[in-house]
Amino acid sequence: MQAAYYDEALKLAACQPTVRGFLIFHVTDETDYNRWQSGVYYADGTPKSTRAAVKASINAVRTGAYECGEPPVTDETFGWVMIAHSH
């Protein structure tokens, strides 16, 4: 499940022309199991089984193996509106 979420997030980010980076928060899980456990490594540094899949997704995005396709045609702004300022 974790690898699929990271795969989707990486692909979504790769298809956004203004995205220049992607942070995985946290790469290593916190030692307190009641805290954030989103890393691709356990707190002791052992790789999780999802690490290889996340690495493969990153490599696919880097090498251009993933194609974004055409953005949907819509008049919807989804809450964002571009405003041109004239000076």
PDB file of N, CA and C in Angstrom:
ATOM      1  N   MET A   1       0.831  -1.186   0.000  1.00  0.00           N
ATOM      2  CA  MET A   1       0.000   0.000   0.000  1.00  0.00           C
ATOM      3  C   MET A   1       0.876   1.249   0.000  1.00  0.00           C
ATOM      4  N   GLN A   2       1.903   1.284   0.868  1.00  0.00           N
ATOM      5  CA  GLN A   2       2.776   2.448   0.958  1.00  0.00           C
ATOM      6  C   GLN A   2       3.463   2.717  -0.381  1.00  0.00           C
ATOM      7  N   ALA A   3       3.968   1.695  -1.028  1.00  0.00           N
ATOM      8  CA  ALA A   3       4.655   1.866  -2.310  1.00  0.00           C
ATOM      9  C   ALA A   3       3.710   2.426  -3.369  1.00  0.00           C
ATOM     10  N   ALA A   4       2.469   1.968  -3.368  1.00  0.00           N
ATOM     11  CA  ALA A   4       1.488   2.457  -4.345  1.00  0.00           C
ATOM     12  C   ALA A   4       1.187   3.942  -4.120  1.00  0.00           C
ATOM     13  N   TYR A   5       1.091   4.360  -2.871  1.00  0.00           N
ATOM     14  CA  TYR A   5       0.845   5.774  -2.577  1.00  0.00           C
ATOM     15  C   TYR A   5       2.023   6.641  -3.018  1.00  0.00           C
ATOM     16  N   TYR A   6       3.251   6.184  -2.708  1.00  0.00           N
ATOM     17  CA  TYR A   6       4.419   6.946  -3.138  1.00  0.00           C
ATOM     18  C   TYR A   6       4.525   6.971  -4.661  1.00  0.00           C
ATOM     19  N   ASP A   7       4.214   5.863  -5.329  1.00  0.00           N
ATOM     20  CA  ASP A   7       4.251   5.811  -6.784  1.00  0.00           C
ATOM     21  C   ASP A   7       3.298   6.847  -7.372  1.00  0.00           C
ATOM     22  N   GLU A   8       2.081   6.881  -6.863  1.00  0.00           N
ATOM     23  CA  GLU A   8       1.092   7.839  -7.349  1.00  0.00           C
ATOM     24  C   GLU A   8       1.535   9.277  -7.086  1.00  0.00           C
ATOM     25  N   ALA A   9       2.045   9.537  -5.895  1.00  0.00           N
ATOM     26  CA  ALA A   9       2.481  10.889  -5.547  1.00  0.00           C
ATOM     27  C   ALA A   9       3.656  11.341  -6.407  1.00  0.00           C
ATOM     28  N   LEU A  10       4.599  10.448  -6.643  1.00  0.00           N
ATOM     29  CA  LEU A  10       5.751  10.788  -7.478  1.00  0.00           C
ATOM     30  C   LEU A  10       5.330  11.094  -8.910  1.00  0.00           C
ATOM     31  N   LYS A  11       4.420  10.299  -9.439  1.00  0.00           N
ATOM     32  CA  LYS A  11       3.943  10.528 -10.801  1.00  0.00           C
ATOM     33  C   LYS A  11       3.144  11.828 -10.902  1.00  0.00           C
ATOM     34  N   LEU A  12       2.309  12.094  -9.910  1.00  0.00           N
ATOM     35  CA  LEU A  12       1.560  13.353  -9.903  1.00  0.00           C
ATOM     36  C   LEU A  12       2.505  14.553  -9.854  1.00  0.00           C
ATOM     37  N   ALA A  13       3.511  14.471  -9.004  1.00  0.00           N
ATOM     38  CA  ALA A  13       4.477  15.565  -8.890  1.00  0.00           C
ATOM     39  C   ALA A  13       5.266  15.733 -10.180  1.00  0.00           C
ATOM     40  N   ALA A  14       5.650  14.634 -10.807  1.00  0.00           N
ATOM     41  CA  ALA A  14       6.446  14.689 -12.036  1.00  0.00           C
ATOM     42  C   ALA A  14       5.688  15.358 -13.175  1.00  0.00           C
ATOM     43  N   CYS A  15       4.387  15.295 -13.145  1.00  0.00           N
ATOM     44  CA  CYS A  15       3.573  15.861 -14.224  1.00  0.00           C
ATOM     45  C   CYS A  15       3.212  17.326 -13.991  1.00  0.00           C
ATOM     46  N   GLN A  16       3.670  17.893 -12.917  1.00  0.00           N
ATOM     47  CA  GLN A  16       3.402  19.303 -12.636  1.00  0.00           C
ATOM     48  C   GLN A  16       4.613  20.118 -13.082  1.00  0.00           C
ATOM     49  N   PRO A  17       4.448  21.017 -14.027  1.00  0.00           N
ATOM     50  CA  PRO A  17       5.596  21.735 -14.578  1.00  0.00           C
ATOM     51  C   PRO A  17       6.341  22.625 -13.587  1.00  0.00           C
ATOM     52  N   THR A  18       5.716  23.006 -12.493  1.00  0.00           N
ATOM     53  CA  THR A  18       6.387  23.886 -11.533  1.00  0.00           C
ATOM     54  C   THR A  18       7.017  23.138 -10.362  1.00  0.00           C
ATOM     55  N   VAL A  19       6.847  21.834 -10.281  1.00  0.00           N
ATOM     56  CA  VAL A  19       7.443  21.045  -9.194  1.00  0.00           C
ATOM     57  C   VAL A  19       8.899  20.786  -9.521  1.00  0.00           C
ATOM     58  N   ARG A  20       9.782  21.119  -8.592  1.00  0.00           N
ATOM     59  CA  ARG A  20      11.214  20.946  -8.797  1.00  0.00           C
ATOM     60  C   ARG A  20      11.843  19.944  -7.826  1.00  0.00           C
ATOM     61  N   GLY A  21      11.066  19.432  -6.907  1.00  0.00           N
ATOM     62  CA  GLY A  21      11.594  18.486  -5.939  1.00  0.00           C
ATOM     63  C   GLY A  21      10.474  17.703  -5.292  1.00  0.00           C
ATOM     64  N   PHE A  22      10.859  16.657  -4.584  1.00  0.00           N
ATOM     65  CA  PHE A  22       9.888  15.806  -3.910  1.00  0.00           C
ATOM     66  C   PHE A  22      10.523  15.334  -2.605  1.00  0.00           C
ATOM     67  N   LEU A  23       9.876  15.620  -1.509  1.00  0.00           N
ATOM     68  CA  LEU A  23      10.391  15.218  -0.200  1.00  0.00           C
ATOM     69  C   LEU A  23       9.571  14.055   0.353  1.00  0.00           C
ATOM     70  N   ILE A  24      10.266  13.070   0.852  1.00  0.00           N
ATOM     71  CA  ILE A  24       9.601  11.964   1.548  1.00  0.00           C
ATOM     72  C   ILE A  24       9.753  12.232   3.036  1.00  0.00           C
ATOM     73  N   PHE A  25       8.617  12.433   3.700  1.00  0.00           N
ATOM     74  CA  PHE A  25       8.622  12.783   5.124  1.00  0.00           C
ATOM     75  C   PHE A  25       8.112  11.599   5.924  1.00  0.00           C
ATOM     76  N   HIS A  26       8.836  11.070   6.641  1.00  0.00           N
ATOM     77  CA  HIS A  26      10.244  10.873   6.886  1.00  0.00           C
ATOM     78  C   HIS A  26      10.762   9.721   6.037  1.00  0.00           C
ATOM     79  N   VAL A  27      12.059   9.721   5.736  1.00  0.00           N
ATOM     80  CA  VAL A  27      12.656   8.585   5.027  1.00  0.00           C
ATOM     81  C   VAL A  27      12.776   7.411   5.991  1.00  0.00           C
ATOM     82  N   THR A  28      13.086   7.709   7.238  1.00  0.00           N
ATOM     83  CA  THR A  28      13.222   6.693   8.286  1.00  0.00           C
ATOM     84  C   THR A  28      12.122   6.910   9.323  1.00  0.00           C
ATOM     85  N   ASP A  29      11.468   5.827   9.710  1.00  0.00           N
ATOM     86  CA  ASP A  29      10.407   5.913  10.713  1.00  0.00           C
ATOM     87  C   ASP A  29      10.935   6.460  12.037  1.00  0.00           C
ATOM     88  N   GLU A  30      10.040   7.068  12.785  1.00  0.00           N
ATOM     89  CA  GLU A  30      10.399   7.516  14.130  1.00  0.00           C
ATOM     90  C   GLU A  30      10.503   6.311  15.058  1.00  0.00           C
ATOM     91  N   THR A  31      11.287   6.439  16.114  1.00  0.00           N
ATOM     92  CA  THR A  31      11.475   5.329  17.047  1.00  0.00           C
ATOM     93  C   THR A  31      10.232   5.060  17.888  1.00  0.00           C
ATOM     94  N   ASP A  32       9.443   6.087  18.143  1.00  0.00           N
ATOM     95  CA  ASP A  32       8.193   5.931  18.883  1.00  0.00           C
ATOM     96  C   ASP A  32       7.117   5.467  17.897  1.00  0.00           C
ATOM     97  N   TYR A  33       6.617   4.243  18.076  1.00  0.00           N
ATOM     98  CA  TYR A  33       5.649   3.684  17.133  1.00  0.00           C
ATOM     99  C   TYR A  33       4.290   4.392  17.157  1.00  0.00           C
ATOM    100  N   ASN A  34       4.076   5.261  18.118  1.00  0.00           N
ATOM    101  CA  ASN A  34       2.859   6.063  18.140  1.00  0.00           C
ATOM    102  C   ASN A  34       3.019   7.341  17.325  1.00  0.00           C
ATOM    103  N   ARG A  35       4.194   7.516  16.725  1.00  0.00           N
ATOM    104  CA  ARG A  35       4.494   8.710  15.935  1.00  0.00           C
ATOM    105  C   ARG A  35       4.461   8.365  14.440  1.00  0.00           C
ATOM    106  N   TRP A  36       5.025   9.236  13.623  1.00  0.00           N
ATOM    107  CA  TRP A  36       4.991   9.108  12.168  1.00  0.00           C
ATOM    108  C   TRP A  36       5.767   7.878  11.702  1.00  0.00           C
ATOM    109  N   GLN A  37       5.127   7.047  10.894  1.00  0.00           N
ATOM    110  CA  GLN A  37       5.738   5.812  10.395  1.00  0.00           C
ATOM    111  C   GLN A  37       5.633   5.744   8.867  1.00  0.00           C
ATOM    112  N   SER A  38       6.066   6.790   8.186  1.00  0.00           N
ATOM    113  CA  SER A  38       5.898   6.872   6.740  1.00  0.00           C
ATOM    114  C   SER A  38       7.155   6.555   5.950  1.00  0.00           C
ATOM    115  N   GLY A  39       8.237   6.243   6.630  1.00  0.00           N
ATOM    116  CA  GLY A  39       9.507   6.054   5.951  1.00  0.00           C
ATOM    117  C   GLY A  39       9.598   4.785   5.128  1.00  0.00           C
ATOM    118  N   VAL A  40      10.630   4.734   4.305  1.00  0.00           N
ATOM    119  CA  VAL A  40      10.928   3.513   3.551  1.00  0.00           C
ATOM    120  C   VAL A  40      11.974   2.681   4.300  1.00  0.00           C
ATOM    121  N   TYR A  41      12.390   3.180   5.475  1.00  0.00           N
ATOM    122  CA  TYR A  41      13.270   2.459   6.386  1.00  0.00           C
ATOM    123  C   TYR A  41      12.615   2.411   7.760  1.00  0.00           C
ATOM    124  N   TYR A  42      12.791   1.290   8.454  1.00  0.00           N
ATOM    125  CA  TYR A  42      12.350   1.205   9.842  1.00  0.00           C
ATOM    126  C   TYR A  42      13.262   2.074  10.699  1.00  0.00           C
ATOM    127  N   ALA A  43      12.877   2.336  11.920  1.00  0.00           N
ATOM    128  CA  ALA A  43      13.641   3.205  12.820  1.00  0.00           C
ATOM    129  C   ALA A  43      15.063   2.706  13.037  1.00  0.00           C
ATOM    130  N   ASP A  44      15.293   1.398  12.938  1.00  0.00           N
ATOM    131  CA  ASP A  44      16.641   0.860  13.137  1.00  0.00           C
ATOM    132  C   ASP A  44      17.492   0.904  11.865  1.00  0.00           C
ATOM    133  N   GLY A  45      16.951   1.465  10.777  1.00  0.00           N
ATOM    134  CA  GLY A  45      17.698   1.595   9.533  1.00  0.00           C
ATOM    135  C   GLY A  45      17.491   0.467   8.541  1.00  0.00           C
ATOM    136  N   THR A  46      16.728  -0.537   8.925  1.00  0.00           N
ATOM    137  CA  THR A  46      16.437  -1.657   8.038  1.00  0.00           C
ATOM    138  C   THR A  46      15.476  -1.210   6.946  1.00  0.00           C
ATOM    139  N   PRO A  47      15.788  -1.498   5.670  1.00  0.00           N
ATOM    140  CA  PRO A  47      14.856  -1.111   4.609  1.00  0.00           C
ATOM    141  C   PRO A  47      13.537  -1.870   4.716  1.00  0.00           C
ATOM    142  N   LYS A  48      12.442  -1.162   4.464  1.00  0.00           N
ATOM    143  CA  LYS A  48      11.134  -1.811   4.396  1.00  0.00           C
ATOM    144  C   LYS A  48      11.010  -2.515   3.043  1.00  0.00           C
ATOM    145  N   SER A  49      10.070  -3.411   2.936  1.00  0.00           N
ATOM    146  CA  SER A  49       9.862  -4.135   1.672  1.00  0.00           C
ATOM    147  C   SER A  49       9.437  -3.184   0.549  1.00  0.00           C
ATOM    148  N   THR A  50       8.894  -2.037   0.899  1.00  0.00           N
ATOM    149  CA  THR A  50       8.449  -1.072  -0.114  1.00  0.00           C
ATOM    150  C   THR A  50       9.585  -0.223  -0.671  1.00  0.00           C
ATOM    151  N   ARG A  51      10.757  -0.244  -0.050  1.00  0.00           N
ATOM    152  CA  ARG A  51      11.856   0.615  -0.487  1.00  0.00           C
ATOM    153  C   ARG A  51      12.202   0.386  -1.955  1.00  0.00           C
ATOM    154  N   ALA A  52      12.307  -0.860  -2.369  1.00  0.00           N
ATOM    155  CA  ALA A  52      12.681  -1.174  -3.756  1.00  0.00           C
ATOM    156  C   ALA A  52      11.639  -0.637  -4.748  1.00  0.00           C
ATOM    157  N   ALA A  53      10.372  -0.753  -4.398  1.00  0.00           N
ATOM    158  CA  ALA A  53       9.315  -0.259  -5.283  1.00  0.00           C
ATOM    159  C   ALA A  53       9.341   1.258  -5.379  1.00  0.00           C
ATOM    160  N   VAL A  54       9.575   1.939  -4.257  1.00  0.00           N
ATOM    161  CA  VAL A  54       9.658   3.399  -4.263  1.00  0.00           C
ATOM    162  C   VAL A  54      10.867   3.839  -5.085  1.00  0.00           C
ATOM    163  N   LYS A  55      11.988   3.142  -4.926  1.00  0.00           N
ATOM    164  CA  LYS A  55      13.191   3.454  -5.706  1.00  0.00           C
ATOM    165  C   LYS A  55      12.922   3.260  -7.198  1.00  0.00           C
ATOM    166  N   ALA A  56      12.210   2.212  -7.549  1.00  0.00           N
ATOM    167  CA  ALA A  56      11.872   1.961  -8.956  1.00  0.00           C
ATOM    168  C   ALA A  56      10.983   3.079  -9.506  1.00  0.00           C
ATOM    169  N   SER A  57      10.045   3.554  -8.709  1.00  0.00           N
ATOM    170  CA  SER A  57       9.183   4.662  -9.136  1.00  0.00           C
ATOM    171  C   SER A  57      10.000   5.928  -9.359  1.00  0.00           C
ATOM    172  N   ILE A  58      10.917   6.209  -8.453  1.00  0.00           N
ATOM    173  CA  ILE A  58      11.787   7.381  -8.596  1.00  0.00           C
ATOM    174  C   ILE A  58      12.608   7.267  -9.875  1.00  0.00           C
ATOM    175  N   ASN A  59      13.185   6.097 -10.115  1.00  0.00           N
ATOM    176  CA  ASN A  59      13.990   5.891 -11.324  1.00  0.00           C
ATOM    177  C   ASN A  59      13.149   6.023 -12.592  1.00  0.00           C
ATOM    178  N   ALA A  60      11.914   5.544 -12.553  1.00  0.00           N
ATOM    179  CA  ALA A  60      11.032   5.656 -13.717  1.00  0.00           C
ATOM    180  C   ALA A  60      10.739   7.117 -14.037  1.00  0.00           C
ATOM    181  N   VAL A  61      10.519   7.917 -13.011  1.00  0.00           N
ATOM    182  CA  VAL A  61      10.260   9.344 -13.218  1.00  0.00           C
ATOM    183  C   VAL A  61      11.523  10.024 -13.744  1.00  0.00           C
ATOM    184  N   ARG A  62      12.675   9.716 -13.150  1.00  0.00           N
ATOM    185  CA  ARG A  62      13.944  10.342 -13.556  1.00  0.00           C
ATOM    186  C   ARG A  62      14.315  10.027 -15.000  1.00  0.00           C
ATOM    187  N   THR A  63      14.078   8.814 -15.436  1.00  0.00           N
ATOM    188  CA  THR A  63      14.492   8.404 -16.775  1.00  0.00           C
ATOM    189  C   THR A  63      13.454   8.700 -17.840  1.00  0.00           C
ATOM    190  N   GLY A  64      12.309   9.228 -17.436  1.00  0.00           N
ATOM    191  CA  GLY A  64      11.274   9.554 -18.401  1.00  0.00           C
ATOM    192  C   GLY A  64      10.454   8.354 -18.834  1.00  0.00           C
ATOM    193  N   ALA A  65      10.502   7.273 -18.083  1.00  0.00           N
ATOM    194  CA  ALA A  65       9.750   6.066 -18.420  1.00  0.00           C
ATOM    195  C   ALA A  65       8.251   6.245 -18.193  1.00  0.00           C
ATOM    196  N   TYR A  66       7.893   7.262 -17.437  1.00  0.00           N
ATOM    197  CA  TYR A  66       6.491   7.534 -17.155  1.00  0.00           C
ATOM    198  C   TYR A  66       6.053   8.730 -17.987  1.00  0.00           C
ATOM    199  N   GLU A  67       4.949   8.601 -18.704  1.00  0.00           N
ATOM    200  CA  GLU A  67       4.425   9.697 -19.508  1.00  0.00           C
ATOM    201  C   GLU A  67       3.200  10.290 -18.838  1.00  0.00           C
ATOM    202  N   CYS A  68       3.148  11.594 -18.806  1.00  0.00           N
ATOM    203  CA  CYS A  68       2.067  12.284 -18.117  1.00  0.00           C
ATOM    204  C   CYS A  68       0.780  12.344 -18.918  1.00  0.00           C
ATOM    205  N   GLY A  69       0.845  12.382 -20.213  1.00  0.00           N
ATOM    206  CA  GLY A  69      -0.358  12.524 -21.008  1.00  0.00           C
ATOM    207  C   GLY A  69      -0.811  13.967 -21.025  1.00  0.00           C
ATOM    208  N   GLU A  70      -1.969  14.184 -21.576  1.00  0.00           N
ATOM    209  CA  GLU A  70      -2.521  15.531 -21.694  1.00  0.00           C
ATOM    210  C   GLU A  70      -3.344  15.885 -20.464  1.00  0.00           C
ATOM    211  N   PRO A  71      -3.236  17.138 -20.012  1.00  0.00           N
ATOM    212  CA  PRO A  71      -4.072  17.551 -18.878  1.00  0.00           C
ATOM    213  C   PRO A  71      -5.530  17.577 -19.296  1.00  0.00           C
ATOM    214  N   PRO A  72      -6.431  17.381 -18.362  1.00  0.00           N
ATOM    215  CA  PRO A  72      -7.855  17.423 -18.704  1.00  0.00           C
ATOM    216  C   PRO A  72      -8.266  18.827 -19.147  1.00  0.00           C
ATOM    217  N   VAL A  73      -9.184  18.874 -20.064  1.00  0.00           N
ATOM    218  CA  VAL A  73      -9.713  20.163 -20.527  1.00  0.00           C
ATOM    219  C   VAL A  73     -10.901  20.516 -19.647  1.00  0.00           C
ATOM    220  N   THR A  74     -10.787  21.647 -18.964  1.00  0.00           N
ATOM    221  CA  THR A  74     -11.846  22.048 -18.052  1.00  0.00           C
ATOM    222  C   THR A  74     -11.773  23.552 -17.798  1.00  0.00           C
ATOM    223  N   ASP A  75     -12.891  24.127 -17.454  1.00  0.00           N
ATOM    224  CA  ASP A  75     -12.922  25.523 -17.055  1.00  0.00           C
ATOM    225  C   ASP A  75     -12.822  25.653 -15.535  1.00  0.00           C
ATOM    226  N   GLU A  76     -12.851  24.537 -14.850  1.00  0.00           N
ATOM    227  CA  GLU A  76     -12.816  24.514 -13.387  1.00  0.00           C
ATOM    228  C   GLU A  76     -11.442  24.966 -12.892  1.00  0.00           C
ATOM    229  N   THR A  77     -11.397  25.789 -11.863  1.00  0.00           N
ATOM    230  CA  THR A  77     -10.128  26.271 -11.318  1.00  0.00           C
ATOM    231  C   THR A  77      -9.717  25.506 -10.065  1.00  0.00           C
ATOM    232  N   PHE A  78     -10.608  24.701  -9.517  1.00  0.00           N
ATOM    233  CA  PHE A  78     -10.322  23.928  -8.315  1.00  0.00           C
ATOM    234  C   PHE A  78      -9.794  24.803  -7.182  1.00  0.00           C
ATOM    235  N   GLY A  79     -10.320  26.027  -7.099  1.00  0.00           N
ATOM    236  CA  GLY A  79      -9.937  26.918  -6.003  1.00  0.00           C
ATOM    237  C   GLY A  79      -8.767  27.829  -6.329  1.00  0.00           C
ATOM    238  N   TRP A  80      -8.056  27.566  -7.426  1.00  0.00           N
ATOM    239  CA  TRP A  80      -6.903  28.387  -7.796  1.00  0.00           C
ATOM    240  C   TRP A  80      -7.291  29.288  -8.959  1.00  0.00           C
ATOM    241  N   VAL A  81      -6.975  30.545  -8.840  1.00  0.00           N
ATOM    242  CA  VAL A  81      -7.265  31.498  -9.909  1.00  0.00           C
ATOM    243  C   VAL A  81      -5.985  32.287 -10.182  1.00  0.00           C
ATOM    244  N   MET A  82      -5.580  32.314 -11.440  1.00  0.00           N
ATOM    245  CA  MET A  82      -4.407  33.096 -11.840  1.00  0.00           C
ATOM    246  C   MET A  82      -4.871  34.525 -12.111  1.00  0.00           C
ATOM    247  N   ILE A  83      -4.190  35.472 -11.512  1.00  0.00           N
ATOM    248  CA  ILE A  83      -4.537  36.873 -11.680  1.00  0.00           C
ATOM    249  C   ILE A  83      -3.335  37.586 -12.310  1.00  0.00           C
ATOM    250  N   ALA A  84      -3.565  38.222 -13.431  1.00  0.00           N
ATOM    251  CA  ALA A  84      -2.508  38.984 -14.093  1.00  0.00           C
ATOM    252  C   ALA A  84      -2.503  40.387 -13.533  1.00  0.00           C
ATOM    253  N   HIS A  85      -1.356  40.814 -13.060  1.00  0.00           N
ATOM    254  CA  HIS A  85      -1.198  42.169 -12.533  1.00  0.00           C
ATOM    255  C   HIS A  85      -0.538  43.027 -13.596  1.00  0.00           C
ATOM    256  N   SER A  86      -1.089  44.205 -13.814  1.00  0.00           N
ATOM    257  CA  SER A  86      -0.430  45.149 -14.731  1.00  0.00           C
ATOM    258  C   SER A  86       0.169  46.270 -13.905  1.00  0.00           C
ATOM    259  N   HIS A  87       1.352  46.651 -14.269  1.00  0.00           N
ATOM    260  CA  HIS A  87       2.042  47.719 -13.524  1.00  0.00           C
ATOM    261  C   HIS A  87       2.205  48.924 -14.380  1.00  0.00           C
TER     262      HIS A  87
END
